[in-house]
Amino acid sequence: MTLEELKAKADQIKKDANAVIDGIDQNEMDEDAVNWADLSCTEVWLNLDDDKPSWMITVEEASPDSSNLAAYIHNELTRFGHDVWVRCEW
Protein backbone atom coordinates (compact mmCIF):
# COMPACT_ATOMS: atom_id res chain seq x y z
CA MET A 1 0.00 0.00 0.00
CA THR A 2 1.12 3.53 -0.69
CA LEU A 3 1.27 6.14 2.04
CA GLU A 4 -1.88 7.75 0.66
CA GLU A 5 -3.71 4.39 0.74
CA LEU A 6 -2.60 3.81 4.34
CA LYS A 7 -3.86 7.27 5.33
CA ALA A 8 -7.17 6.61 3.60
CA LYS A 9 -7.49 3.26 5.40
CA ALA A 10 -6.76 4.95 8.75
CA ASP A 11 -9.38 7.62 8.03
CA GLN A 12 -11.94 4.94 7.14
CA ILE A 13 -11.19 2.95 10.30
CA LYS A 14 -11.67 6.08 12.42
CA LYS A 15 -14.91 6.96 10.65
CA ASP A 16 -16.25 3.43 11.04
CA ALA A 17 -15.17 3.23 14.70
CA ASN A 18 -17.01 6.46 15.49
CA ALA A 19 -20.08 5.17 13.67
CA VAL A 20 -19.97 2.03 15.83
CA ILE A 21 -19.54 4.14 18.98
CA ASP A 22 -22.44 6.41 18.01
CA GLY A 23 -24.67 3.35 17.56
CA ILE A 24 -23.97 1.74 20.94
CA ASP A 25 -26.93 1.27 23.26
CA GLN A 26 -25.54 2.64 26.53
CA ASN A 27 -27.91 0.44 28.52
CA GLU A 28 -26.19 -2.66 27.13
CA MET A 29 -22.72 -1.41 28.13
CA ASP A 30 -23.39 -0.43 31.73
CA GLU A 31 -20.66 -2.73 33.09
CA ASP A 32 -17.80 -0.49 31.94
CA ALA A 33 -16.86 2.99 33.18
CA VAL A 34 -17.53 5.27 30.21
CA ASN A 35 -18.06 8.99 29.69
CA TRP A 36 -20.71 8.59 27.01
CA ALA A 37 -20.91 12.32 26.28
CA ASP A 38 -17.36 12.46 24.91
CA LEU A 39 -16.64 8.86 23.88
CA SER A 40 -14.88 8.72 20.52
CA CYS A 41 -12.08 7.20 18.47
CA THR A 42 -9.28 9.75 18.55
CA GLU A 43 -6.30 7.88 17.07
CA VAL A 44 -5.57 5.16 14.54
CA TRP A 45 -2.18 3.46 14.58
CA LEU A 46 -0.47 1.06 12.24
CA ASN A 47 1.95 -1.31 13.98
CA LEU A 48 4.77 -2.39 11.69
CA ASP A 49 6.83 -4.16 14.37
CA ASP A 50 5.29 -7.59 13.85
CA ASP A 51 5.61 -9.91 10.88
CA LYS A 52 2.09 -8.90 9.88
CA PRO A 53 1.18 -5.21 10.19
CA SER A 54 -1.74 -4.57 12.50
CA TRP A 55 -4.09 -1.66 13.20
CA MET A 56 -4.95 -0.22 16.61
CA ILE A 57 -7.36 2.50 17.63
CA THR A 58 -7.57 4.60 20.77
CA VAL A 59 -11.02 5.19 22.17
CA GLU A 60 -10.98 8.06 24.65
CA GLU A 61 -13.30 8.65 27.58
CA ALA A 62 -13.52 5.04 28.71
CA SER A 63 -11.64 3.27 31.46
CA PRO A 64 -8.65 1.22 30.27
CA ASP A 65 -10.45 -1.70 31.93
CA SER A 66 -13.46 -1.37 29.61
CA SER A 67 -13.01 -4.81 28.10
CA ASN A 68 -16.67 -5.24 27.16
CA LEU A 69 -16.69 -1.96 25.26
CA ALA A 70 -13.38 -2.72 23.53
CA ALA A 71 -14.56 -6.20 22.51
CA TYR A 72 -17.85 -4.83 21.20
CA ILE A 73 -16.12 -2.17 19.07
CA HIS A 74 -13.59 -4.73 17.80
CA ASN A 75 -16.33 -7.19 16.84
CA GLU A 76 -18.39 -4.51 15.10
CA LEU A 77 -15.37 -3.25 13.17
CA THR A 78 -14.78 -6.76 11.82
CA ARG A 79 -18.17 -6.39 10.13
CA PHE A 80 -16.70 -3.41 8.28
CA GLY A 81 -13.74 -5.58 7.25
CA HIS A 82 -11.29 -4.11 9.78
CA ASP A 83 -9.16 -6.28 12.07
CA VAL A 84 -8.36 -3.69 14.73
CA TRP A 85 -7.09 -3.87 18.29
CA VAL A 86 -9.05 -1.44 20.50
CA ARG A 87 -7.41 0.44 23.38
CA CYS A 88 -9.52 2.49 25.80
CA GLU A 89 -8.21 5.37 27.87
CA TRP A 90 -9.46 8.38 29.76
C-alpha atoms as a PDB file:
ATOM      1  CA  MET A   1       0.000   0.000   0.000  1.00  0.00           C
ATOM      2  CA  THR A   2       1.122   3.528  -0.688  1.00  0.00           C
ATOM      3  CA  LEU A   3       1.268   6.139   2.044  1.00  0.00           C
ATOM      4  CA  GLU A   4      -1.883   7.750   0.655  1.00  0.00           C
ATOM      5  CA  GLU A   5      -3.712   4.390   0.743  1.00  0.00           C
ATOM      6  CA  LEU A   6      -2.604   3.813   4.338  1.00  0.00           C
ATOM      7  CA  LYS A   7      -3.862   7.267   5.332  1.00  0.00           C
ATOM      8  CA  ALA A   8      -7.174   6.606   3.597  1.00  0.00           C
ATOM      9  CA  LYS A   9      -7.491   3.259   5.401  1.00  0.00           C
ATOM     10  CA  ALA A  10      -6.758   4.946   8.746  1.00  0.00           C
ATOM     11  CA  ASP A  11      -9.378   7.621   8.033  1.00  0.00           C
ATOM     12  CA  GLN A  12     -11.936   4.939   7.137  1.00  0.00           C
ATOM     13  CA  ILE A  13     -11.193   2.948  10.299  1.00  0.00           C
ATOM     14  CA  LYS A  14     -11.666   6.077  12.425  1.00  0.00           C
ATOM     15  CA  LYS A  15     -14.911   6.964  10.645  1.00  0.00           C
ATOM     16  CA  ASP A  16     -16.255   3.427  11.043  1.00  0.00           C
ATOM     17  CA  ALA A  17     -15.171   3.230  14.695  1.00  0.00           C
ATOM     18  CA  ASN A  18     -17.005   6.456  15.492  1.00  0.00           C
ATOM     19  CA  ALA A  19     -20.082   5.170  13.669  1.00  0.00           C
ATOM     20  CA  VAL A  20     -19.969   2.031  15.832  1.00  0.00           C
ATOM     21  CA  ILE A  21     -19.543   4.138  18.982  1.00  0.00           C
ATOM     22  CA  ASP A  22     -22.445   6.406  18.010  1.00  0.00           C
ATOM     23  CA  GLY A  23     -24.672   3.351  17.564  1.00  0.00           C
ATOM     24  CA  ILE A  24     -23.971   1.742  20.942  1.00  0.00           C
ATOM     25  CA  ASP A  25     -26.928   1.268  23.265  1.00  0.00           C
ATOM     26  CA  GLN A  26     -25.543   2.641  26.529  1.00  0.00           C
ATOM     27  CA  ASN A  27     -27.907   0.438  28.523  1.00  0.00           C
ATOM     28  CA  GLU A  28     -26.185  -2.656  27.131  1.00  0.00           C
ATOM     29  CA  MET A  29     -22.719  -1.406  28.132  1.00  0.00           C
ATOM     30  CA  ASP A  30     -23.390  -0.430  31.733  1.00  0.00           C
ATOM     31  CA  GLU A  31     -20.657  -2.735  33.093  1.00  0.00           C
ATOM     32  CA  ASP A  32     -17.796  -0.485  31.940  1.00  0.00           C
ATOM     33  CA  ALA A  33     -16.858   2.986  33.182  1.00  0.00           C
ATOM     34  CA  VAL A  34     -17.532   5.268  30.212  1.00  0.00           C
ATOM     35  CA  ASN A  35     -18.061   8.990  29.695  1.00  0.00           C
ATOM     36  CA  TRP A  36     -20.710   8.593  27.007  1.00  0.00           C
ATOM     37  CA  ALA A  37     -20.914  12.320  26.279  1.00  0.00           C
ATOM     38  CA  ASP A  38     -17.357  12.460  24.909  1.00  0.00           C
ATOM     39  CA  LEU A  39     -16.638   8.860  23.884  1.00  0.00           C
ATOM     40  CA  SER A  40     -14.877   8.717  20.523  1.00  0.00           C
ATOM     41  CA  CYS A  41     -12.078   7.202  18.472  1.00  0.00           C
ATOM     42  CA  THR A  42      -9.279   9.745  18.555  1.00  0.00           C
ATOM     43  CA  GLU A  43      -6.305   7.881  17.069  1.00  0.00           C
ATOM     44  CA  VAL A  44      -5.566   5.163  14.540  1.00  0.00           C
ATOM     45  CA  TRP A  45      -2.181   3.465  14.578  1.00  0.00           C
ATOM     46  CA  LEU A  46      -0.468   1.058  12.241  1.00  0.00           C
ATOM     47  CA  ASN A  47       1.954  -1.307  13.981  1.00  0.00           C
ATOM     48  CA  LEU A  48       4.769  -2.386  11.694  1.00  0.00           C
ATOM     49  CA  ASP A  49       6.833  -4.160  14.368  1.00  0.00           C
ATOM     50  CA  ASP A  50       5.290  -7.586  13.853  1.00  0.00           C
ATOM     51  CA  ASP A  51       5.608  -9.905  10.875  1.00  0.00           C
ATOM     52  CA  LYS A  52       2.092  -8.899   9.876  1.00  0.00           C
ATOM     53  CA  PRO A  53       1.184  -5.205  10.185  1.00  0.00           C
ATOM     54  CA  SER A  54      -1.744  -4.571  12.500  1.00  0.00           C
ATOM     55  CA  TRP A  55      -4.088  -1.664  13.199  1.00  0.00           C
ATOM     56  CA  MET A  56      -4.946  -0.224  16.609  1.00  0.00           C
ATOM     57  CA  ILE A  57      -7.363   2.500  17.633  1.00  0.00           C
ATOM     58  CA  THR A  58      -7.569   4.602  20.770  1.00  0.00           C
ATOM     59  CA  VAL A  59     -11.025   5.192  22.174  1.00  0.00           C
ATOM     60  CA  GLU A  60     -10.976   8.056  24.645  1.00  0.00           C
ATOM     61  CA  GLU A  61     -13.304   8.654  27.578  1.00  0.00           C
ATOM     62  CA  ALA A  62     -13.517   5.042  28.714  1.00  0.00           C
ATOM     63  CA  SER A  63     -11.637   3.267  31.457  1.00  0.00           C
ATOM     64  CA  PRO A  64      -8.646   1.224  30.267  1.00  0.00           C
ATOM     65  CA  ASP A  65     -10.449  -1.704  31.931  1.00  0.00           C
ATOM     66  CA  SER A  66     -13.460  -1.372  29.608  1.00  0.00           C
ATOM     67  CA  SER A  67     -13.007  -4.811  28.103  1.00  0.00           C
ATOM     68  CA  ASN A  68     -16.674  -5.242  27.165  1.00  0.00           C
ATOM     69  CA  LEU A  69     -16.687  -1.964  25.262  1.00  0.00           C
ATOM     70  CA  ALA A  70     -13.381  -2.719  23.528  1.00  0.00           C
ATOM     71  CA  ALA A  71     -14.557  -6.199  22.512  1.00  0.00           C
ATOM     72  CA  TYR A  72     -17.847  -4.829  21.201  1.00  0.00           C
ATOM     73  CA  ILE A  73     -16.117  -2.174  19.074  1.00  0.00           C
ATOM     74  CA  HIS A  74     -13.589  -4.732  17.801  1.00  0.00           C
ATOM     75  CA  ASN A  75     -16.331  -7.185  16.843  1.00  0.00           C
ATOM     76  CA  GLU A  76     -18.394  -4.510  15.097  1.00  0.00           C
ATOM     77  CA  LEU A  77     -15.373  -3.253  13.167  1.00  0.00           C
ATOM     78  CA  THR A  78     -14.777  -6.759  11.824  1.00  0.00           C
ATOM     79  CA  ARG A  79     -18.173  -6.392  10.129  1.00  0.00           C
ATOM     80  CA  PHE A  80     -16.697  -3.408   8.279  1.00  0.00           C
ATOM     81  CA  GLY A  81     -13.736  -5.578   7.253  1.00  0.00           C
ATOM     82  CA  HIS A  82     -11.285  -4.113   9.784  1.00  0.00           C
ATOM     83  CA  ASP A  83      -9.157  -6.284  12.069  1.00  0.00           C
ATOM     84  CA  VAL A  84      -8.358  -3.695  14.726  1.00  0.00           C
ATOM     85  CA  TRP A  85      -7.088  -3.873  18.290  1.00  0.00           C
ATOM     86  CA  VAL A  86      -9.046  -1.442  20.504  1.00  0.00           C
ATOM     87  CA  ARG A  87      -7.411   0.441  23.376  1.00  0.00           C
ATOM     88  CA  CYS A  88      -9.520   2.485  25.795  1.00  0.00           C
ATOM     89  CA  GLU A  89      -8.214   5.371  27.872  1.00  0.00           C
ATOM     90  CA  TRP A  90      -9.464   8.377  29.758  1.00  0.00           C
END
